[in-house]
C-alpha cells in the first residue's frame, strides 16, 4: 500500500513540475512577444543569482563539519591512473 502512495506522490510532483514549466514558458513567450526584453533580462539575472545561492548553501556532500578534526584522521586513499599502469 505504501508503494502506491509513493507512486501517487511522485506523479503529483511531476504534474506540478510540468505545470510550473508550462506557466513559466508562457510568461517568457509573452515577454518576448510584447518586446519586454529588459524585464526578461532582469528576471533571468535574478533566477541565475537565486540558483547560485541555493547551490552555495546546499550540503552537497551530506557531511557535517566537526571541530575535533575527525576528517584529518582519515587515511589517505591511493589514486590509480586511468591511463594505464605506472612505469617501473
Protein backbone atom coordinates (compact mmCIF):
# COMPACT_ATOMS: atom_id res chain seq x y z
CA UNK A 1 0.00 0.00 0.00
CA UNK A 2 2.89 2.32 0.73
CA UNK A 3 4.34 1.95 -2.79
CA UNK A 4 1.02 3.11 -4.26
CA UNK A 5 1.15 6.19 -2.06
CA UNK A 6 4.75 6.93 -3.08
CA UNK A 7 3.95 6.45 -6.75
CA UNK A 8 0.97 8.78 -6.48
CA UNK A 9 3.08 11.37 -4.70
CA UNK A 10 5.76 11.19 -7.43
CA UNK A 11 3.10 11.53 -10.13
CA UNK A 12 1.61 14.56 -8.35
CA UNK A 13 5.03 16.21 -8.02
CA UNK A 14 5.77 15.59 -11.70
CA UNK A 15 2.43 17.15 -12.63
CA UNK A 16 3.15 20.21 -10.50
CA UNK A 17 6.61 20.50 -12.09
CA UNK A 18 5.16 20.34 -15.61
CA UNK A 19 2.56 22.97 -14.71
CA UNK A 20 5.32 25.29 -13.44
CA UNK A 21 7.34 24.71 -16.61
CA UNK A 22 4.32 25.47 -18.81
CA UNK A 23 3.43 28.65 -16.90
CA UNK A 24 6.97 29.97 -16.92
CA UNK A 25 7.32 29.15 -20.62
CA UNK A 26 4.14 31.08 -21.37
CA UNK A 27 5.41 34.03 -19.32
CA UNK A 28 8.72 34.09 -21.22
CA UNK A 29 6.96 33.80 -24.58
CA UNK A 30 4.61 36.65 -23.61
CA UNK A 31 7.53 38.86 -22.55
CA UNK A 32 9.29 38.19 -25.85
CA UNK A 33 6.09 38.82 -27.82
CA UNK A 34 5.48 42.19 -26.16
CA UNK A 35 9.19 43.03 -26.51
CA UNK A 36 9.85 43.33 -22.78
CA UNK A 37 13.41 42.13 -23.05
CA UNK A 38 14.63 44.43 -20.27
CA UNK A 39 12.24 42.80 -17.82
CA UNK A 40 13.17 39.37 -19.15
CA UNK A 41 16.86 40.18 -18.65
CA UNK A 42 16.26 41.25 -15.04
CA UNK A 43 14.22 38.12 -14.28
CA UNK A 44 16.88 35.90 -15.83
CA UNK A 45 19.60 37.57 -13.76
CA UNK A 46 17.58 37.13 -10.57
CA UNK A 47 16.91 33.50 -11.45
CA UNK A 48 20.57 32.69 -12.02
CA UNK A 49 21.53 34.52 -8.82
CA UNK A 50 18.96 32.53 -6.86
CA UNK A 51 20.24 29.27 -8.34
CA UNK A 52 23.82 30.14 -7.41
CA UNK A 53 22.79 30.98 -3.84
CA UNK A 54 20.87 27.70 -3.49
CA UNK A 55 23.87 25.71 -4.73
CA UNK A 56 26.24 27.66 -2.49
CA UNK A 57 24.30 26.96 0.71
CA UNK A 58 23.31 23.38 -0.10
CA UNK A 59 25.06 20.49 1.59
CA UNK A 60 26.13 18.53 -1.48
CA UNK A 61 28.34 16.10 0.42
CA UNK A 62 25.90 15.41 3.22
CA UNK A 63 28.70 15.61 5.76
CA UNK A 64 28.71 17.51 9.00
CA UNK A 65 31.58 19.75 9.94
CA UNK A 66 33.07 18.95 13.33
CA UNK A 67 35.63 20.89 15.28
CA UNK A 68 37.54 17.85 16.57
CA UNK A 69 39.43 17.21 13.32
CA UNK A 70 37.72 13.91 12.53
CA UNK A 71 38.29 14.44 8.82
CA UNK A 72 42.05 14.91 9.32
CA UNK A 73 42.39 11.43 10.87
CA UNK A 74 41.08 9.62 7.82
CA UNK A 75 43.61 7.52 5.96
CA UNK A 76 44.61 8.86 2.56
CA UNK A 77 43.31 6.90 -0.38
CA UNK A 78 45.58 5.75 -3.17
CA UNK A 79 44.66 7.02 -6.58
CA UNK A 80 45.05 4.90 -9.68
CA UNK A 81 45.72 6.29 -13.09
CA UNK A 82 43.18 5.60 -15.80
CA UNK A 83 45.89 5.88 -18.45
CA UNK A 84 47.47 2.50 -17.88
CA UNK A 85 49.98 1.16 -15.41
CA UNK A 86 52.71 3.29 -13.90
CA UNK A 87 56.23 2.78 -15.26
CA UNK A 88 58.52 0.61 -13.12
